[in-house]
Amino acid sequence: MGDHKEEEPKGDMWKLAFGFVEMAVVKCAIELGIAEAIESHGNPMTLSELSSALGCPPSLLNRVMRFLASNHIFKEIDTQGSKSYFQTPISRMLIRSNENSIAPIIFLESNPVIQASWQNLSLRVLDKVPSAFEAATGKETWSYAAENPAYNKVLNEGMACVAKLEMPAIIDGCLGVFNGIDTVVDVGGGNGTTLRNLVKAYPWIKGINFDQPHVVSSATKCDGIEHVGGDMFESVPKADAIILKSVLHDWGDEESIHILKKCKEAIPQDKGKVIIIEAVINKEDKTNAGLILDMVMLTQTNKGKERTLEEWAYVLGEAGFSRHTVRSTTAAPSVIEAFP
């Protein structure tokens, strides 16, 4: 057997123990407005300039900037002993007013309610609680959001942020998908971000943003989109196509099959389709995005999960769809077209 010894995973140990640190420091940077300050300045800023603009002691800000620069979030240049900080593509995404800002999803995932749910993951895996989220809050995810407007706002903004970031890649991956489609219902569409992007790309489409009444009541008005409140478990508005983006992963197979049947009832049997935008777990995904999202579902929902190709084929078949296709995109989700 020899004297081979396994190499000690020192780097992995630090990552495992302190993986939360990067998100916490990025949240700090967003709250301080570091990226906004540099952007407003119009040029790289020295530590002294940045400290003055933010009202932070230089010694403390230096430590935060050193960490952010070492993780390639900002770029640090040392010129004759004076440090200056430059924007990077990722640092510009920390600007709250930026169209592609990631601030809302950072605020959602770092929210105390979400963080508390992760502390109960082992209880969920032992099947001692309905969900880790419910163990932390006493309510399942959607009931808690409906009863807590502040959290509901953070949740909807976080989901809208993800949709906004993913939709360009999804639209690029959907070439031809909307040919011959005049009306679309986005089931569980939140504040309408997905449909706004879709109608912008395909201006002939008339959209219905369909979600719970307390969700659509705060949705932004947009030409070509009607906001409708309702319950997808009861019925879905009729249209040529139904979109389900990041919806079915919140539910188990039984509930997902029921939702899919309601969607199938709402589309024309000759030319209709249900367009599912979700992760598909596969071994070729080097980012592990699907597996990470699956842990999020395990923690924050009662029965939700990400699915493999085989699992998607099962729920679609049980819902009565005759065939389906799957398209990969450059974003985390794939695009699944299901036909009656």
C-alpha atoms as a PDB file:
ATOM      1  CA  MET A   1       0.000   0.000   0.000  1.00  0.00           C
ATOM      2  CA  GLY A   2       2.976   2.326   0.562  1.00  0.00           C
ATOM      3  CA  ASP A   3       3.223   5.324   2.820  1.00  0.00           C
ATOM      4  CA  HIS A   4       1.041   7.635   0.747  1.00  0.00           C
ATOM      5  CA  LYS A   5      -0.635  10.259   2.885  1.00  0.00           C
ATOM      6  CA  GLU A   6      -3.586  12.326   1.844  1.00  0.00           C
ATOM      7  CA  GLU A   7      -2.754  15.973   1.378  1.00  0.00           C
ATOM      8  CA  GLU A   8      -4.352  18.076   4.077  1.00  0.00           C
ATOM      9  CA  PRO A   9      -7.134  20.193   2.553  1.00  0.00           C
ATOM     10  CA  LYS A  10      -6.044  23.398   4.244  1.00  0.00           C
ATOM     11  CA  GLY A  11      -7.569  25.713   1.655  1.00  0.00           C
ATOM     12  CA  ASP A  12     -10.825  23.781   1.666  1.00  0.00           C
ATOM     13  CA  MET A  13     -10.957  23.983   5.453  1.00  0.00           C
ATOM     14  CA  TRP A  14     -10.949  27.789   5.362  1.00  0.00           C
ATOM     15  CA  LYS A  15     -13.557  27.843   2.608  1.00  0.00           C
ATOM     16  CA  LEU A  16     -15.819  25.463   4.515  1.00  0.00           C
ATOM     17  CA  ALA A  17     -15.503  27.279   7.827  1.00  0.00           C
ATOM     18  CA  PHE A  18     -15.674  30.853   6.543  1.00  0.00           C
ATOM     19  CA  GLY A  19     -17.623  30.613   3.294  1.00  0.00           C
ATOM     20  CA  PHE A  20     -20.114  33.158   4.597  1.00  0.00           C
ATOM     21  CA  VAL A  21     -17.488  35.908   4.917  1.00  0.00           C
ATOM     22  CA  GLU A  22     -17.394  36.973   1.269  1.00  0.00           C
ATOM     23  CA  MET A  23     -21.158  37.563   1.083  1.00  0.00           C
ATOM     24  CA  ALA A  24     -21.068  39.467   4.382  1.00  0.00           C
ATOM     25  CA  VAL A  25     -18.273  41.764   3.191  1.00  0.00           C
ATOM     26  CA  VAL A  26     -19.969  42.301  -0.182  1.00  0.00           C
ATOM     27  CA  LYS A  27     -23.155  43.253   1.671  1.00  0.00           C
ATOM     28  CA  CYS A  28     -21.071  45.697   3.727  1.00  0.00           C
ATOM     29  CA  ALA A  29     -19.658  47.214   0.523  1.00  0.00           C
ATOM     30  CA  ILE A  30     -23.178  47.672  -0.875  1.00  0.00           C
ATOM     31  CA  GLU A  31     -24.442  49.279   2.334  1.00  0.00           C
ATOM     32  CA  LEU A  32     -21.458  51.647   2.464  1.00  0.00           C
ATOM     33  CA  GLY A  33     -21.919  52.602  -1.190  1.00  0.00           C
ATOM     34  CA  ILE A  34     -18.293  51.949  -2.123  1.00  0.00           C
ATOM     35  CA  ALA A  35     -19.005  51.263  -5.793  1.00  0.00           C
ATOM     36  CA  GLU A  36     -21.285  54.317  -6.048  1.00  0.00           C
ATOM     37  CA  ALA A  37     -18.578  56.547  -4.561  1.00  0.00           C
ATOM     38  CA  ILE A  38     -15.938  55.417  -7.069  1.00  0.00           C
ATOM     39  CA  GLU A  39     -18.409  55.650  -9.966  1.00  0.00           C
ATOM     40  CA  SER A  40     -19.465  59.164  -8.965  1.00  0.00           C
ATOM     41  CA  HIS A  41     -15.851  60.238  -8.615  1.00  0.00           C
ATOM     42  CA  GLY A  42     -15.277  59.339 -12.242  1.00  0.00           C
ATOM     43  CA  ASN A  43     -11.735  58.129 -11.611  1.00  0.00           C
ATOM     44  CA  PRO A  44      -9.967  55.651  -9.342  1.00  0.00           C
ATOM     45  CA  MET A  45      -9.996  56.797  -5.710  1.00  0.00           C
ATOM     46  CA  THR A  46      -7.219  56.681  -3.152  1.00  0.00           C
ATOM     47  CA  LEU A  47      -7.953  55.169   0.234  1.00  0.00           C
ATOM     48  CA  SER A  48      -7.924  58.666   1.721  1.00  0.00           C
ATOM     49  CA  GLU A  49     -10.439  59.963  -0.843  1.00  0.00           C
ATOM     50  CA  LEU A  50     -12.698  56.962  -0.433  1.00  0.00           C
ATOM     51  CA  SER A  51     -12.511  57.125   3.340  1.00  0.00           C
ATOM     52  CA  SER A  52     -13.466  60.794   3.285  1.00  0.00           C
ATOM     53  CA  ALA A  53     -16.347  60.224   0.868  1.00  0.00           C
ATOM     54  CA  LEU A  54     -17.802  57.370   2.908  1.00  0.00           C
ATOM     55  CA  GLY A  55     -17.077  58.733   6.368  1.00  0.00           C
ATOM     56  CA  CYS A  56     -15.088  55.649   7.381  1.00  0.00           C
ATOM     57  CA  PRO A  57     -11.846  55.532   9.391  1.00  0.00           C
ATOM     58  CA  PRO A  58      -9.078  54.742   6.852  1.00  0.00           C
ATOM     59  CA  SER A  59      -7.645  51.934   8.984  1.00  0.00           C
ATOM     60  CA  LEU A  60     -10.951  50.031   8.995  1.00  0.00           C
ATOM     61  CA  LEU A  61     -11.852  50.734   5.377  1.00  0.00           C
ATOM     62  CA  ASN A  62      -8.367  49.621   4.307  1.00  0.00           C
ATOM     63  CA  ARG A  63      -9.009  46.146   5.690  1.00  0.00           C
ATOM     64  CA  VAL A  64     -12.322  45.820   3.890  1.00  0.00           C
ATOM     65  CA  MET A  65     -10.890  47.077   0.592  1.00  0.00           C
ATOM     66  CA  ARG A  66      -7.898  44.762   0.924  1.00  0.00           C
ATOM     67  CA  PHE A  67     -10.284  41.807   1.223  1.00  0.00           C
ATOM     68  CA  LEU A  68     -12.481  42.935  -1.675  1.00  0.00           C
ATOM     69  CA  ALA A  69      -9.469  43.541  -3.917  1.00  0.00           C
ATOM     70  CA  SER A  70      -7.955  40.156  -3.068  1.00  0.00           C
ATOM     71  CA  ASN A  71     -11.234  38.578  -4.200  1.00  0.00           C
ATOM     72  CA  HIS A  72     -11.139  40.585  -7.470  1.00  0.00           C
ATOM     73  CA  ILE A  73     -14.284  42.556  -6.663  1.00  0.00           C
ATOM     74  CA  PHE A  74     -12.392  45.858  -6.869  1.00  0.00           C
ATOM     75  CA  LYS A  75      -8.970  46.419  -8.424  1.00  0.00           C
ATOM     76  CA  GLU A  76      -6.230  47.835  -6.200  1.00  0.00           C
ATOM     77  CA  ILE A  77      -3.168  49.656  -7.565  1.00  0.00           C
ATOM     78  CA  ASP A  78      -0.292  50.715  -5.340  1.00  0.00           C
ATOM     79  CA  THR A  79       1.516  53.726  -6.784  1.00  0.00           C
ATOM     80  CA  GLN A  80       4.434  55.127  -4.816  1.00  0.00           C
ATOM     81  CA  GLY A  81       2.989  53.825  -1.585  1.00  0.00           C
ATOM     82  CA  SER A  82      -0.508  55.199  -2.195  1.00  0.00           C
ATOM     83  CA  LYS A  83      -3.351  52.763  -2.853  1.00  0.00           C
ATOM     84  CA  SER A  84      -6.003  53.538  -5.434  1.00  0.00           C
ATOM     85  CA  TYR A  85      -9.156  51.543  -6.157  1.00  0.00           C
ATOM     86  CA  PHE A  86     -10.700  50.928  -9.582  1.00  0.00           C
ATOM     87  CA  GLN A  87     -14.083  49.577 -10.577  1.00  0.00           C
ATOM     88  CA  THR A  88     -14.384  46.109 -12.119  1.00  0.00           C
ATOM     89  CA  PRO A  89     -17.352  44.572 -13.990  1.00  0.00           C
ATOM     90  CA  ILE A  90     -18.425  42.827 -10.779  1.00  0.00           C
ATOM     91  CA  SER A  91     -18.030  45.920  -8.560  1.00  0.00           C
ATOM     92  CA  ARG A  92     -20.336  47.879 -10.876  1.00  0.00           C
ATOM     93  CA  MET A  93     -22.999  45.232 -10.175  1.00  0.00           C
ATOM     94  CA  LEU A  94     -22.945  46.359  -6.527  1.00  0.00           C
ATOM     95  CA  ILE A  95     -24.354  49.764  -7.499  1.00  0.00           C
ATOM     96  CA  ARG A  96     -27.985  49.680  -6.402  1.00  0.00           C
ATOM     97  CA  SER A  97     -29.221  51.851  -9.276  1.00  0.00           C
ATOM     98  CA  ASN A  98     -27.424  49.736 -11.876  1.00  0.00           C
ATOM     99  CA  GLU A  99     -29.774  47.844 -14.186  1.00  0.00           C
ATOM    100  CA  ASN A 100     -27.807  44.656 -13.478  1.00  0.00           C
ATOM    101  CA  SER A 101     -27.289  45.226  -9.762  1.00  0.00           C
ATOM    102  CA  ILE A 102     -26.950  42.094  -7.621  1.00  0.00           C
ATOM    103  CA  ALA A 103     -27.688  44.062  -4.449  1.00  0.00           C
ATOM    104  CA  PRO A 104     -31.285  42.733  -4.103  1.00  0.00           C
ATOM    105  CA  ILE A 105     -30.262  39.059  -4.180  1.00  0.00           C
ATOM    106  CA  ILE A 106     -27.408  39.744  -1.746  1.00  0.00           C
ATOM    107  CA  PHE A 107     -29.869  41.431   0.617  1.00  0.00           C
ATOM    108  CA  LEU A 108     -32.296  38.505   0.283  1.00  0.00           C
ATOM    109  CA  GLU A 109     -29.804  35.726   0.905  1.00  0.00           C
ATOM    110  CA  SER A 110     -28.182  37.611   3.793  1.00  0.00           C
ATOM    111  CA  ASN A 111     -31.558  38.435   5.337  1.00  0.00           C
ATOM    112  CA  PRO A 112     -31.759  37.262   8.984  1.00  0.00           C
ATOM    113  CA  VAL A 113     -34.851  35.166   8.176  1.00  0.00           C
ATOM    114  CA  ILE A 114     -33.049  33.289   5.397  1.00  0.00           C
ATOM    115  CA  GLN A 115     -29.883  32.930   7.442  1.00  0.00           C
ATOM    116  CA  ALA A 116     -31.853  31.534  10.395  1.00  0.00           C
ATOM    117  CA  SER A 117     -33.403  28.868   8.173  1.00  0.00           C
ATOM    118  CA  TRP A 118     -29.960  27.482   7.266  1.00  0.00           C
ATOM    119  CA  GLN A 119     -29.359  26.737  10.937  1.00  0.00           C
ATOM    120  CA  ASN A 120     -32.136  24.127  10.749  1.00  0.00           C
ATOM    121  CA  LEU A 121     -30.963  22.228   7.665  1.00  0.00           C
ATOM    122  CA  SER A 122     -29.934  19.126   9.626  1.00  0.00           C
ATOM    123  CA  LEU A 123     -33.381  19.002  11.266  1.00  0.00           C
ATOM    124  CA  ARG A 124     -34.921  19.052   7.796  1.00  0.00           C
ATOM    125  CA  VAL A 125     -32.658  16.264   6.539  1.00  0.00           C
ATOM    126  CA  LEU A 126     -33.621  14.205   9.613  1.00  0.00           C
ATOM    127  CA  ASP A 127     -37.252  14.880   8.601  1.00  0.00           C
ATOM    128  CA  LYS A 128     -38.021  16.355  12.002  1.00  0.00           C
ATOM    129  CA  VAL A 129     -39.456  19.617  10.637  1.00  0.00           C
ATOM    130  CA  PRO A 130     -41.591  20.398   7.536  1.00  0.00           C
ATOM    131  CA  SER A 131     -38.890  22.803   6.345  1.00  0.00           C
ATOM    132  CA  ALA A 132     -35.854  24.557   7.746  1.00  0.00           C
ATOM    133  CA  PHE A 133     -37.557  27.863   6.946  1.00  0.00           C
ATOM    134  CA  GLU A 134     -40.681  26.883   8.882  1.00  0.00           C
ATOM    135  CA  ALA A 135     -38.591  25.753  11.848  1.00  0.00           C
ATOM    136  CA  ALA A 136     -37.065  29.237  11.945  1.00  0.00           C
ATOM    137  CA  THR A 137     -40.217  31.283  11.379  1.00  0.00           C
ATOM    138  CA  GLY A 138     -43.169  29.104  12.332  1.00  0.00           C
ATOM    139  CA  LYS A 139     -44.603  29.569   8.817  1.00  0.00           C
ATOM    140  CA  GLU A 140     -43.942  28.086   5.409  1.00  0.00           C
ATOM    141  CA  THR A 141     -42.243  30.434   2.951  1.00  0.00           C
ATOM    142  CA  TRP A 142     -45.242  31.884   1.096  1.00  0.00           C
ATOM    143  CA  SER A 143     -47.451  32.297   4.170  1.00  0.00           C
ATOM    144  CA  TYR A 144     -44.652  34.104   5.981  1.00  0.00           C
ATOM    145  CA  ALA A 145     -44.121  36.436   3.011  1.00  0.00           C
ATOM    146  CA  ALA A 146     -47.841  37.194   2.787  1.00  0.00           C
ATOM    147  CA  GLU A 147     -47.952  38.164   6.478  1.00  0.00           C
ATOM    148  CA  ASN A 148     -44.695  40.146   6.576  1.00  0.00           C
ATOM    149  CA  PRO A 149     -44.661  43.003   4.037  1.00  0.00           C
ATOM    150  CA  ALA A 150     -41.034  43.986   4.706  1.00  0.00           C
ATOM    151  CA  TYR A 151     -39.787  40.450   4.041  1.00  0.00           C
ATOM    152  CA  ASN A 152     -42.156  40.106   1.078  1.00  0.00           C
ATOM    153  CA  LYS A 153     -40.568  43.217  -0.463  1.00  0.00           C
ATOM    154  CA  VAL A 154     -37.040  41.839  -0.005  1.00  0.00           C
ATOM    155  CA  LEU A 155     -38.131  38.465  -1.431  1.00  0.00           C
ATOM    156  CA  ASN A 156     -39.814  39.942  -4.516  1.00  0.00           C
ATOM    157  CA  GLU A 157     -36.922  42.300  -5.199  1.00  0.00           C
ATOM    158  CA  GLY A 158     -34.444  39.433  -4.866  1.00  0.00           C
ATOM    159  CA  MET A 159     -36.412  37.232  -7.277  1.00  0.00           C
ATOM    160  CA  ALA A 160     -36.784  40.135  -9.711  1.00  0.00           C
ATOM    161  CA  CYS A 161     -33.027  40.688  -9.550  1.00  0.00           C
ATOM    162  CA  VAL A 162     -32.355  37.069 -10.551  1.00  0.00           C
ATOM    163  CA  ALA A 163     -34.893  37.273 -13.372  1.00  0.00           C
ATOM    164  CA  LYS A 164     -33.362  40.500 -14.674  1.00  0.00           C
ATOM    165  CA  LEU A 165     -29.869  38.988 -14.696  1.00  0.00           C
ATOM    166  CA  GLU A 166     -30.940  35.720 -16.320  1.00  0.00           C
ATOM    167  CA  MET A 167     -33.434  36.933 -18.938  1.00  0.00           C
ATOM    168  CA  PRO A 168     -30.956  38.153 -21.594  1.00  0.00           C
ATOM    169  CA  ALA A 169     -29.366  34.681 -21.739  1.00  0.00           C
ATOM    170  CA  ILE A 170     -32.770  33.017 -21.644  1.00  0.00           C
ATOM    171  CA  ILE A 171     -34.118  35.188 -24.478  1.00  0.00           C
ATOM    172  CA  ASP A 172     -31.002  34.392 -26.520  1.00  0.00           C
ATOM    173  CA  GLY A 173     -31.640  30.713 -25.823  1.00  0.00           C
ATOM    174  CA  CYS A 174     -35.315  31.019 -26.810  1.00  0.00           C
ATOM    175  CA  LEU A 175     -34.869  31.973 -30.449  1.00  0.00           C
ATOM    176  CA  GLY A 176     -37.957  30.699 -32.249  1.00  0.00           C
ATOM    177  CA  VAL A 177     -39.751  29.685 -29.056  1.00  0.00           C
ATOM    178  CA  PHE A 178     -42.246  32.559 -29.305  1.00  0.00           C
ATOM    179  CA  ASN A 179     -42.902  32.387 -33.040  1.00  0.00           C
ATOM    180  CA  GLY A 180     -46.670  32.322 -33.564  1.00  0.00           C
ATOM    181  CA  ILE A 181     -47.327  33.176 -29.904  1.00  0.00           C
ATOM    182  CA  ASP A 182     -49.511  36.245 -29.311  1.00  0.00           C
ATOM    183  CA  THR A 183     -50.399  35.898 -25.614  1.00  0.00           C
ATOM    184  CA  VAL A 184     -48.318  34.689 -22.682  1.00  0.00           C
ATOM    185  CA  VAL A 185     -49.141  34.153 -19.020  1.00  0.00           C
ATOM    186  CA  ASP A 186     -46.249  34.210 -16.578  1.00  0.00           C
ATOM    187  CA  VAL A 187     -47.428  32.043 -13.677  1.00  0.00           C
ATOM    188  CA  GLY A 188     -45.776  33.094 -10.439  1.00  0.00           C
ATOM    189  CA  GLY A 189     -44.380  36.113 -12.254  1.00  0.00           C
ATOM    190  CA  GLY A 190     -43.770  38.219  -9.147  1.00  0.00           C
ATOM    191  CA  ASN A 191     -43.463  41.914  -9.955  1.00  0.00           C
ATOM    192  CA  GLY A 192     -43.455  41.271 -13.714  1.00  0.00           C
ATOM    193  CA  THR A 193     -39.716  41.510 -14.411  1.00  0.00           C
ATOM    194  CA  THR A 194     -39.627  38.406 -16.609  1.00  0.00           C
ATOM    195  CA  LEU A 195     -42.554  39.574 -18.740  1.00  0.00           C
ATOM    196  CA  ARG A 196     -41.176  43.115 -19.070  1.00  0.00           C
ATOM    197  CA  ASN A 197     -37.975  41.699 -20.531  1.00  0.00           C
ATOM    198  CA  LEU A 198     -39.929  39.319 -22.751  1.00  0.00           C
ATOM    199  CA  VAL A 199     -42.307  41.971 -24.130  1.00  0.00           C
ATOM    200  CA  LYS A 200     -39.349  44.249 -24.788  1.00  0.00           C
ATOM    201  CA  ALA A 201     -37.709  41.499 -26.880  1.00  0.00           C
ATOM    202  CA  TYR A 202     -40.983  40.374 -28.519  1.00  0.00           C
ATOM    203  CA  PRO A 203     -43.161  43.526 -28.653  1.00  0.00           C
ATOM    204  CA  TRP A 204     -46.115  41.800 -30.366  1.00  0.00           C
ATOM    205  CA  ILE A 205     -46.732  39.657 -27.282  1.00  0.00           C
ATOM    206  CA  LYS A 206     -49.485  40.563 -24.838  1.00  0.00           C
ATOM    207  CA  GLY A 207     -48.567  39.396 -21.355  1.00  0.00           C
ATOM    208  CA  ILE A 208     -50.464  38.499 -18.195  1.00  0.00           C
ATOM    209  CA  ASN A 209     -48.421  38.547 -15.013  1.00  0.00           C
ATOM    210  CA  PHE A 210     -50.186  36.060 -12.735  1.00  0.00           C
ATOM    211  CA  ASP A 211     -49.329  35.704  -9.055  1.00  0.00           C
ATOM    212  CA  GLN A 212     -50.879  35.909  -5.597  1.00  0.00           C
ATOM    213  CA  PRO A 213     -52.905  39.096  -5.022  1.00  0.00           C
ATOM    214  CA  HIS A 214     -50.514  40.496  -2.391  1.00  0.00           C
ATOM    215  CA  VAL A 215     -47.647  40.066  -4.877  1.00  0.00           C
ATOM    216  CA  VAL A 216     -49.165  41.660  -7.986  1.00  0.00           C
ATOM    217  CA  SER A 217     -50.669  44.508  -5.948  1.00  0.00           C
ATOM    218  CA  SER A 218     -47.213  46.114  -5.843  1.00  0.00           C
ATOM    219  CA  ALA A 219     -46.167  45.207  -9.402  1.00  0.00           C
ATOM    220  CA  THR A 220     -45.072  48.046 -11.662  1.00  0.00           C
ATOM    221  CA  LYS A 221     -47.480  48.990 -14.475  1.00  0.00           C
ATOM    222  CA  CYS A 222     -46.123  48.295 -17.947  1.00  0.00           C
ATOM    223  CA  ASP A 223     -47.539  48.650 -21.454  1.00  0.00           C
ATOM    224  CA  GLY A 224     -48.517  45.275 -22.886  1.00  0.00           C
ATOM    225  CA  ILE A 225     -48.771  43.588 -19.479  1.00  0.00           C
ATOM    226  CA  GLU A 226     -51.819  43.001 -17.297  1.00  0.00           C
ATOM    227  CA  HIS A 227     -51.297  42.037 -13.654  1.00  0.00           C
ATOM    228  CA  VAL A 228     -53.774  39.440 -12.421  1.00  0.00           C
ATOM    229  CA  GLY A 229     -54.061  38.016  -8.921  1.00  0.00           C
ATOM    230  CA  GLY A 230     -55.122  34.443  -8.317  1.00  0.00           C
ATOM    231  CA  ASP A 231     -54.188  30.921  -7.258  1.00  0.00           C
ATOM    232  CA  MET A 232     -52.365  28.681  -9.734  1.00  0.00           C
ATOM    233  CA  PHE A 233     -53.643  25.617  -7.888  1.00  0.00           C
ATOM    234  CA  GLU A 234     -57.206  26.631  -8.791  1.00  0.00           C
ATOM    235  CA  SER A 235     -56.902  27.948 -12.345  1.00  0.00           C
ATOM    236  CA  VAL A 236     -54.570  29.765 -14.734  1.00  0.00           C
ATOM    237  CA  PRO A 237     -55.575  32.511 -17.229  1.00  0.00           C
ATOM    238  CA  LYS A 238     -55.818  31.274 -20.810  1.00  0.00           C
ATOM    239  CA  ALA A 239     -53.069  32.138 -23.316  1.00  0.00           C
ATOM    240  CA  ASP A 240     -51.125  30.725 -26.252  1.00  0.00           C
ATOM    241  CA  ALA A 241     -48.205  29.957 -23.940  1.00  0.00           C
ATOM    242  CA  ILE A 242     -47.613  29.686 -20.207  1.00  0.00           C
ATOM    243  CA  ILE A 243     -44.285  30.528 -18.591  1.00  0.00           C
ATOM    244  CA  LEU A 244     -43.228  28.905 -15.334  1.00  0.00           C
ATOM    245  CA  LYS A 245     -39.956  30.482 -14.261  1.00  0.00           C
ATOM    246  CA  SER A 246     -38.458  29.302 -10.965  1.00  0.00           C
ATOM    247  CA  VAL A 247     -41.868  28.063  -9.813  1.00  0.00           C
ATOM    248  CA  LEU A 248     -41.938  24.280  -9.950  1.00  0.00           C
ATOM    249  CA  HIS A 249     -38.687  23.959  -8.017  1.00  0.00           C
ATOM    250  CA  ASP A 250     -40.608  25.363  -5.033  1.00  0.00           C
ATOM    251  CA  TRP A 251     -42.898  22.312  -5.025  1.00  0.00           C
ATOM    252  CA  GLY A 252     -42.789  18.534  -4.819  1.00  0.00           C
ATOM    253  CA  ASP A 253     -43.771  16.253  -7.695  1.00  0.00           C
ATOM    254  CA  GLU A 254     -47.445  15.955  -6.716  1.00  0.00           C
ATOM    255  CA  GLU A 255     -47.943  19.716  -6.526  1.00  0.00           C
ATOM    256  CA  SER A 256     -45.873  20.327  -9.671  1.00  0.00           C
ATOM    257  CA  ILE A 257     -47.960  17.837 -11.659  1.00  0.00           C
ATOM    258  CA  HIS A 258     -51.123  19.578 -10.447  1.00  0.00           C
ATOM    259  CA  ILE A 259     -49.786  23.015 -11.483  1.00  0.00           C
ATOM    260  CA  LEU A 260     -48.726  21.661 -14.879  1.00  0.00           C
ATOM    261  CA  LYS A 261     -52.194  20.189 -15.449  1.00  0.00           C
ATOM    262  CA  LYS A 262     -53.767  23.584 -14.707  1.00  0.00           C
ATOM    263  CA  CYS A 263     -51.366  25.194 -17.181  1.00  0.00           C
ATOM    264  CA  LYS A 264     -52.143  22.553 -19.805  1.00  0.00           C
ATOM    265  CA  GLU A 265     -55.870  23.320 -19.435  1.00  0.00           C
ATOM    266  CA  ALA A 266     -55.170  27.005 -20.145  1.00  0.00           C
ATOM    267  CA  ILE A 267     -53.413  26.625 -23.526  1.00  0.00           C
ATOM    268  CA  PRO A 268     -54.704  25.679 -26.992  1.00  0.00           C
ATOM    269  CA  GLN A 269     -54.257  21.961 -27.561  1.00  0.00           C
ATOM    270  CA  ASP A 270     -53.130  22.466 -31.161  1.00  0.00           C
ATOM    271  CA  LYS A 271     -50.449  25.178 -30.858  1.00  0.00           C
ATOM    272  CA  GLY A 272     -50.077  25.882 -27.147  1.00  0.00           C
ATOM    273  CA  LYS A 273     -47.042  25.207 -25.012  1.00  0.00           C
ATOM    274  CA  VAL A 274     -45.799  25.521 -21.456  1.00  0.00           C
ATOM    275  CA  ILE A 275     -42.344  27.066 -21.196  1.00  0.00           C
ATOM    276  CA  ILE A 276     -40.507  26.053 -18.031  1.00  0.00           C
ATOM    277  CA  ILE A 277     -37.413  28.030 -17.083  1.00  0.00           C
ATOM    278  CA  GLU A 278     -35.579  26.087 -14.388  1.00  0.00           C
ATOM    279  CA  ALA A 279     -32.267  24.484 -13.585  1.00  0.00           C
ATOM    280  CA  VAL A 280     -31.642  20.969 -14.865  1.00  0.00           C
ATOM    281  CA  ILE A 281     -29.211  19.052 -12.685  1.00  0.00           C
ATOM    282  CA  ASN A 282     -26.500  17.342 -14.708  1.00  0.00           C
ATOM    283  CA  LYS A 283     -22.944  16.201 -14.126  1.00  0.00           C
ATOM    284  CA  GLU A 284     -21.590  18.482 -16.855  1.00  0.00           C
ATOM    285  CA  ASP A 285     -22.454  21.666 -14.926  1.00  0.00           C
ATOM    286  CA  LYS A 286     -19.080  22.848 -13.653  1.00  0.00           C
ATOM    287  CA  THR A 287     -20.626  25.753 -11.712  1.00  0.00           C
ATOM    288  CA  ASN A 288     -22.728  23.446  -9.504  1.00  0.00           C
ATOM    289  CA  ALA A 289     -25.484  26.073  -9.811  1.00  0.00           C
ATOM    290  CA  GLY A 290     -28.226  23.445  -9.900  1.00  0.00           C
ATOM    291  CA  LEU A 291     -26.864  21.656  -6.848  1.00  0.00           C
ATOM    292  CA  ILE A 292     -26.523  24.933  -4.925  1.00  0.00           C
ATOM    293  CA  LEU A 293     -30.101  25.883  -5.800  1.00  0.00           C
ATOM    294  CA  ASP A 294     -31.231  22.414  -4.716  1.00  0.00           C
ATOM    295  CA  MET A 295     -29.827  23.075  -1.242  1.00  0.00           C
ATOM    296  CA  VAL A 296     -31.656  26.418  -1.212  1.00  0.00           C
ATOM    297  CA  MET A 297     -34.896  24.592  -2.032  1.00  0.00           C
ATOM    298  CA  LEU A 298     -34.220  21.968   0.642  1.00  0.00           C
ATOM    299  CA  THR A 299     -33.780  24.755   3.194  1.00  0.00           C
ATOM    300  CA  GLN A 300     -36.402  27.309   2.209  1.00  0.00           C
ATOM    301  CA  THR A 301     -39.310  25.200   0.934  1.00  0.00           C
ATOM    302  CA  ASN A 302     -41.277  22.250   2.274  1.00  0.00           C
ATOM    303  CA  LYS A 303     -41.060  19.959  -0.755  1.00  0.00           C
ATOM    304  CA  GLY A 304     -39.175  21.911  -3.403  1.00  0.00           C
ATOM    305  CA  LYS A 305     -36.199  20.567  -5.350  1.00  0.00           C
ATOM    306  CA  GLU A 306     -34.205  21.009  -8.517  1.00  0.00           C
ATOM    307  CA  ARG A 307     -34.688  18.195 -11.005  1.00  0.00           C
ATOM    308  CA  THR A 308     -32.686  16.012 -13.369  1.00  0.00           C
ATOM    309  CA  LEU A 309     -33.766  15.385 -16.976  1.00  0.00           C
ATOM    310  CA  GLU A 310     -35.361  12.127 -15.866  1.00  0.00           C
ATOM    311  CA  GLU A 311     -37.290  13.848 -13.080  1.00  0.00           C
ATOM    312  CA  TRP A 312     -38.543  16.519 -15.477  1.00  0.00           C
ATOM    313  CA  ALA A 313     -39.677  13.819 -17.914  1.00  0.00           C
ATOM    314  CA  TYR A 314     -41.615  12.151 -15.100  1.00  0.00           C
ATOM    315  CA  VAL A 315     -43.602  15.206 -13.935  1.00  0.00           C
ATOM    316  CA  LEU A 316     -44.328  16.318 -17.510  1.00  0.00           C
ATOM    317  CA  GLY A 317     -45.496  12.839 -18.491  1.00  0.00           C
ATOM    318  CA  GLU A 318     -47.707  12.533 -15.425  1.00  0.00           C
ATOM    319  CA  ALA A 319     -49.239  15.929 -16.228  1.00  0.00           C
ATOM    320  CA  GLY A 320     -50.260  14.642 -19.652  1.00  0.00           C
ATOM    321  CA  PHE A 321     -47.785  16.366 -21.960  1.00  0.00           C
ATOM    322  CA  SER A 322     -47.038  14.362 -25.093  1.00  0.00           C
ATOM    323  CA  ARG A 323     -43.490  15.608 -25.632  1.00  0.00           C
ATOM    324  CA  HIS A 324     -40.952  18.171 -24.476  1.00  0.00           C
ATOM    325  CA  THR A 325     -37.634  19.686 -25.496  1.00  0.00           C
ATOM    326  CA  VAL A 326     -34.804  21.062 -23.373  1.00  0.00           C
ATOM    327  CA  ARG A 327     -32.473  23.902 -24.351  1.00  0.00           C
ATOM    328  CA  SER A 328     -29.423  24.885 -22.327  1.00  0.00           C
ATOM    329  CA  THR A 329     -28.620  28.568 -21.857  1.00  0.00           C
ATOM    330  CA  THR A 330     -25.544  30.446 -20.690  1.00  0.00           C
ATOM    331  CA  ALA A 331     -27.398  31.203 -17.434  1.00  0.00           C
ATOM    332  CA  ALA A 332     -28.182  28.696 -14.662  1.00  0.00           C
ATOM    333  CA  PRO A 333     -31.671  27.738 -15.960  1.00  0.00           C
ATOM    334  CA  SER A 334     -32.513  25.717 -19.025  1.00  0.00           C
ATOM    335  CA  VAL A 335     -35.595  26.295 -21.181  1.00  0.00           C
ATOM    336  CA  ILE A 336     -38.034  23.371 -21.323  1.00  0.00           C
ATOM    337  CA  GLU A 337     -40.865  23.477 -23.855  1.00  0.00           C
ATOM    338  CA  ALA A 338     -43.748  21.131 -23.031  1.00  0.00           C
ATOM    339  CA  PHE A 339     -46.442  20.380 -25.628  1.00  0.00           C
ATOM    340  CA  PRO A 340     -49.963  18.993 -25.062  1.00  0.00           C
END
